[in-house]
Amino acid sequence: MRAGRRIGIAIAGGLVVAAGVVLAMPLIPGPGLLVIALGLGILSLEFERPRVWLAALKSRFRELANRVRHKPSDGDGK
């Protein structure tokens, strides 16, 4: 039973990550990085390495959000 769950999660997560990679390609509209993160979330239910990758991805998004939030204005009002 455990092996079946592990295989199912691996297949589902792999397919979602693959779909995210396709959506992340140029000229293809779609939320590619979000779908990749969703796929990593599915894979992290059963595997350790995607958990590490997902944590790194979250950290980078937090850094970017902080930089955008605390960006100093140039004072010209535009």
N, C-alpha and C. Protein backbone atom coordinates (compact mmCIF):
# COMPACT_ATOMS: atom_id res chain seq x y z
N MET A 1 0.82 -1.20 0.00
CA MET A 1 0.00 0.00 0.00
C MET A 1 0.86 1.26 0.00
N ARG A 2 1.93 1.25 0.81
CA ARG A 2 2.82 2.40 0.91
C ARG A 2 3.52 2.67 -0.44
N ALA A 3 3.94 1.61 -1.11
CA ALA A 3 4.62 1.77 -2.39
C ALA A 3 3.68 2.34 -3.44
N GLY A 4 2.43 1.92 -3.42
CA GLY A 4 1.45 2.45 -4.37
C GLY A 4 1.21 3.93 -4.18
N ARG A 5 1.11 4.37 -2.92
CA ARG A 5 0.93 5.79 -2.63
C ARG A 5 2.15 6.58 -3.10
N ARG A 6 3.32 6.05 -2.84
CA ARG A 6 4.57 6.72 -3.23
C ARG A 6 4.66 6.86 -4.75
N ILE A 7 4.31 5.81 -5.45
CA ILE A 7 4.34 5.85 -6.93
C ILE A 7 3.30 6.83 -7.46
N GLY A 8 2.11 6.81 -6.87
CA GLY A 8 1.05 7.74 -7.30
C GLY A 8 1.44 9.19 -7.10
N ILE A 9 2.03 9.49 -5.96
CA ILE A 9 2.48 10.86 -5.70
C ILE A 9 3.61 11.25 -6.65
N ALA A 10 4.50 10.32 -6.93
CA ALA A 10 5.61 10.61 -7.85
C ALA A 10 5.09 10.91 -9.25
N ILE A 11 4.12 10.13 -9.71
CA ILE A 11 3.57 10.34 -11.05
C ILE A 11 2.80 11.66 -11.11
N ALA A 12 1.91 11.89 -10.14
CA ALA A 12 1.10 13.11 -10.14
C ALA A 12 1.99 14.35 -10.02
N GLY A 13 2.93 14.34 -9.08
CA GLY A 13 3.82 15.48 -8.91
C GLY A 13 4.70 15.72 -10.12
N GLY A 14 5.20 14.64 -10.70
CA GLY A 14 6.04 14.77 -11.90
C GLY A 14 5.28 15.36 -13.08
N LEU A 15 4.03 14.94 -13.24
CA LEU A 15 3.22 15.49 -14.33
C LEU A 15 2.92 16.97 -14.12
N VAL A 16 2.65 17.35 -12.87
CA VAL A 16 2.37 18.77 -12.59
C VAL A 16 3.63 19.61 -12.81
N VAL A 17 4.78 19.12 -12.37
CA VAL A 17 6.03 19.84 -12.60
C VAL A 17 6.31 19.96 -14.10
N ALA A 18 6.09 18.88 -14.84
CA ALA A 18 6.31 18.91 -16.29
C ALA A 18 5.38 19.93 -16.96
N ALA A 19 4.13 19.98 -16.52
CA ALA A 19 3.20 20.97 -17.07
C ALA A 19 3.67 22.38 -16.75
N GLY A 20 4.21 22.58 -15.56
CA GLY A 20 4.74 23.89 -15.19
C GLY A 20 5.93 24.29 -16.03
N VAL A 21 6.78 23.34 -16.34
CA VAL A 21 7.94 23.64 -17.20
C VAL A 21 7.47 24.06 -18.58
N VAL A 22 6.46 23.38 -19.11
CA VAL A 22 5.92 23.75 -20.41
C VAL A 22 5.31 25.16 -20.35
N LEU A 23 4.57 25.45 -19.28
CA LEU A 23 3.96 26.77 -19.15
C LEU A 23 4.99 27.87 -18.92
N ALA A 24 6.16 27.53 -18.43
CA ALA A 24 7.20 28.53 -18.18
C ALA A 24 7.99 28.88 -19.43
N MET A 25 7.78 28.16 -20.51
CA MET A 25 8.52 28.43 -21.75
C MET A 25 8.05 29.75 -22.36
N PRO A 26 8.96 30.41 -23.09
CA PRO A 26 8.58 31.66 -23.74
C PRO A 26 7.46 31.43 -24.76
N LEU A 27 6.64 32.42 -24.90
CA LEU A 27 5.52 32.45 -25.85
C LEU A 27 4.37 31.52 -25.48
N ILE A 28 4.42 30.90 -24.32
CA ILE A 28 3.31 30.07 -23.86
C ILE A 28 2.75 30.74 -22.61
N PRO A 29 1.52 31.24 -22.69
CA PRO A 29 0.96 31.93 -21.54
C PRO A 29 0.60 30.95 -20.42
N GLY A 30 0.79 31.40 -19.21
CA GLY A 30 0.41 30.56 -18.08
C GLY A 30 1.31 30.78 -16.89
N PRO A 31 0.84 30.38 -15.74
CA PRO A 31 1.60 30.58 -14.50
C PRO A 31 2.60 29.45 -14.26
N GLY A 32 3.62 29.36 -15.07
CA GLY A 32 4.57 28.25 -15.02
C GLY A 32 5.23 28.04 -13.68
N LEU A 33 5.76 29.11 -13.07
CA LEU A 33 6.46 28.95 -11.80
C LEU A 33 5.51 28.51 -10.68
N LEU A 34 4.29 29.00 -10.72
CA LEU A 34 3.32 28.59 -9.70
C LEU A 34 2.95 27.12 -9.86
N VAL A 35 2.83 26.66 -11.09
CA VAL A 35 2.51 25.24 -11.32
C VAL A 35 3.68 24.36 -10.91
N ILE A 36 4.90 24.82 -11.17
CA ILE A 36 6.08 24.07 -10.73
C ILE A 36 6.09 23.98 -9.21
N ALA A 37 5.80 25.09 -8.53
CA ALA A 37 5.76 25.09 -7.07
C ALA A 37 4.67 24.14 -6.56
N LEU A 38 3.54 24.11 -7.23
CA LEU A 38 2.47 23.18 -6.85
C LEU A 38 2.93 21.74 -7.01
N GLY A 39 3.61 21.43 -8.10
CA GLY A 39 4.14 20.09 -8.32
C GLY A 39 5.16 19.70 -7.27
N LEU A 40 6.03 20.64 -6.90
CA LEU A 40 6.99 20.37 -5.84
C LEU A 40 6.29 20.14 -4.51
N GLY A 41 5.20 20.87 -4.29
CA GLY A 41 4.42 20.65 -3.08
C GLY A 41 3.83 19.25 -3.03
N ILE A 42 3.35 18.78 -4.15
CA ILE A 42 2.80 17.41 -4.22
C ILE A 42 3.92 16.40 -3.97
N LEU A 43 5.05 16.59 -4.63
CA LEU A 43 6.17 15.66 -4.45
C LEU A 43 6.73 15.68 -3.03
N SER A 44 6.66 16.84 -2.37
CA SER A 44 7.21 16.95 -1.02
C SER A 44 6.38 16.21 0.01
N LEU A 45 5.19 15.77 -0.37
CA LEU A 45 4.38 14.96 0.55
C LEU A 45 5.08 13.65 0.86
N GLU A 46 5.89 13.17 -0.06
CA GLU A 46 6.48 11.85 0.10
C GLU A 46 8.01 11.83 0.02
N PHE A 47 8.61 12.86 -0.59
CA PHE A 47 10.05 12.84 -0.83
C PHE A 47 10.72 14.05 -0.18
N GLU A 48 11.95 13.87 0.29
CA GLU A 48 12.67 14.93 1.01
C GLU A 48 13.25 15.99 0.07
N ARG A 49 13.85 15.60 -1.04
CA ARG A 49 14.52 16.55 -1.93
C ARG A 49 13.57 17.65 -2.45
N PRO A 50 12.36 17.32 -2.91
CA PRO A 50 11.46 18.41 -3.33
C PRO A 50 11.11 19.35 -2.18
N ARG A 51 11.09 18.84 -0.95
CA ARG A 51 10.84 19.69 0.21
C ARG A 51 11.93 20.74 0.33
N VAL A 52 13.18 20.35 0.08
CA VAL A 52 14.31 21.28 0.14
C VAL A 52 14.20 22.31 -0.99
N TRP A 53 13.89 21.84 -2.19
CA TRP A 53 13.75 22.75 -3.33
C TRP A 53 12.61 23.74 -3.12
N LEU A 54 11.50 23.26 -2.57
CA LEU A 54 10.36 24.13 -2.31
C LEU A 54 10.71 25.18 -1.26
N ALA A 55 11.44 24.81 -0.24
CA ALA A 55 11.87 25.77 0.78
C ALA A 55 12.78 26.84 0.17
N ALA A 56 13.68 26.44 -0.71
CA ALA A 56 14.57 27.40 -1.38
C ALA A 56 13.77 28.34 -2.28
N LEU A 57 12.78 27.80 -2.98
CA LEU A 57 11.94 28.62 -3.85
C LEU A 57 11.15 29.63 -3.03
N LYS A 58 10.59 29.20 -1.91
CA LYS A 58 9.85 30.11 -1.02
C LYS A 58 10.76 31.21 -0.51
N SER A 59 11.98 30.86 -0.15
CA SER A 59 12.93 31.84 0.36
C SER A 59 13.24 32.90 -0.69
N ARG A 60 13.44 32.46 -1.91
CA ARG A 60 13.73 33.43 -2.99
C ARG A 60 12.55 34.34 -3.26
N PHE A 61 11.34 33.80 -3.22
CA PHE A 61 10.15 34.63 -3.43
C PHE A 61 9.99 35.64 -2.30
N ARG A 62 10.30 35.23 -1.06
CA ARG A 62 10.22 36.17 0.06
C ARG A 62 11.24 37.28 -0.09
N GLU A 63 12.46 36.95 -0.50
CA GLU A 63 13.48 37.97 -0.74
C GLU A 63 13.04 38.96 -1.80
N LEU A 64 12.50 38.45 -2.89
CA LEU A 64 12.02 39.31 -3.97
C LEU A 64 10.89 40.21 -3.49
N ALA A 65 9.95 39.65 -2.74
CA ALA A 65 8.83 40.44 -2.22
C ALA A 65 9.33 41.53 -1.28
N ASN A 66 10.30 41.22 -0.45
CA ASN A 66 10.86 42.22 0.46
C ASN A 66 11.57 43.33 -0.30
N ARG A 67 12.29 42.96 -1.35
CA ARG A 67 12.98 43.97 -2.16
C ARG A 67 11.98 44.89 -2.85
N VAL A 68 10.89 44.32 -3.35
CA VAL A 68 9.88 45.11 -4.04
C VAL A 68 9.17 46.03 -3.04
N ARG A 69 8.85 45.50 -1.86
CA ARG A 69 8.15 46.28 -0.85
C ARG A 69 9.00 47.43 -0.31
N HIS A 70 10.27 47.20 -0.18
CA HIS A 70 11.14 48.21 0.44
C HIS A 70 11.99 48.97 -0.57
N LYS A 71 11.57 48.98 -1.80
CA LYS A 71 12.31 49.70 -2.83
C LYS A 71 12.16 51.20 -2.58
N PRO A 72 13.27 51.91 -2.45
CA PRO A 72 13.17 53.35 -2.21
C PRO A 72 12.67 54.07 -3.45
N SER A 73 11.81 55.03 -3.24
CA SER A 73 11.31 55.81 -4.39
C SER A 73 12.38 56.82 -4.79
N ASP A 74 12.36 57.21 -6.05
CA ASP A 74 13.36 58.13 -6.54
C ASP A 74 12.96 59.60 -6.32
N GLY A 75 11.77 59.83 -5.73
CA GLY A 75 11.40 61.17 -5.33
C GLY A 75 10.78 62.04 -6.41
N ASP A 76 10.67 61.57 -7.65
CA ASP A 76 10.09 62.40 -8.69
C ASP A 76 8.58 62.20 -8.85
N GLY A 77 7.98 61.28 -8.09
CA GLY A 77 6.54 61.10 -8.11
C GLY A 77 6.01 60.32 -9.29
N LYS A 78 6.86 59.74 -10.08
CA LYS A 78 6.40 58.99 -11.24
C LYS A 78 6.38 57.52 -10.98
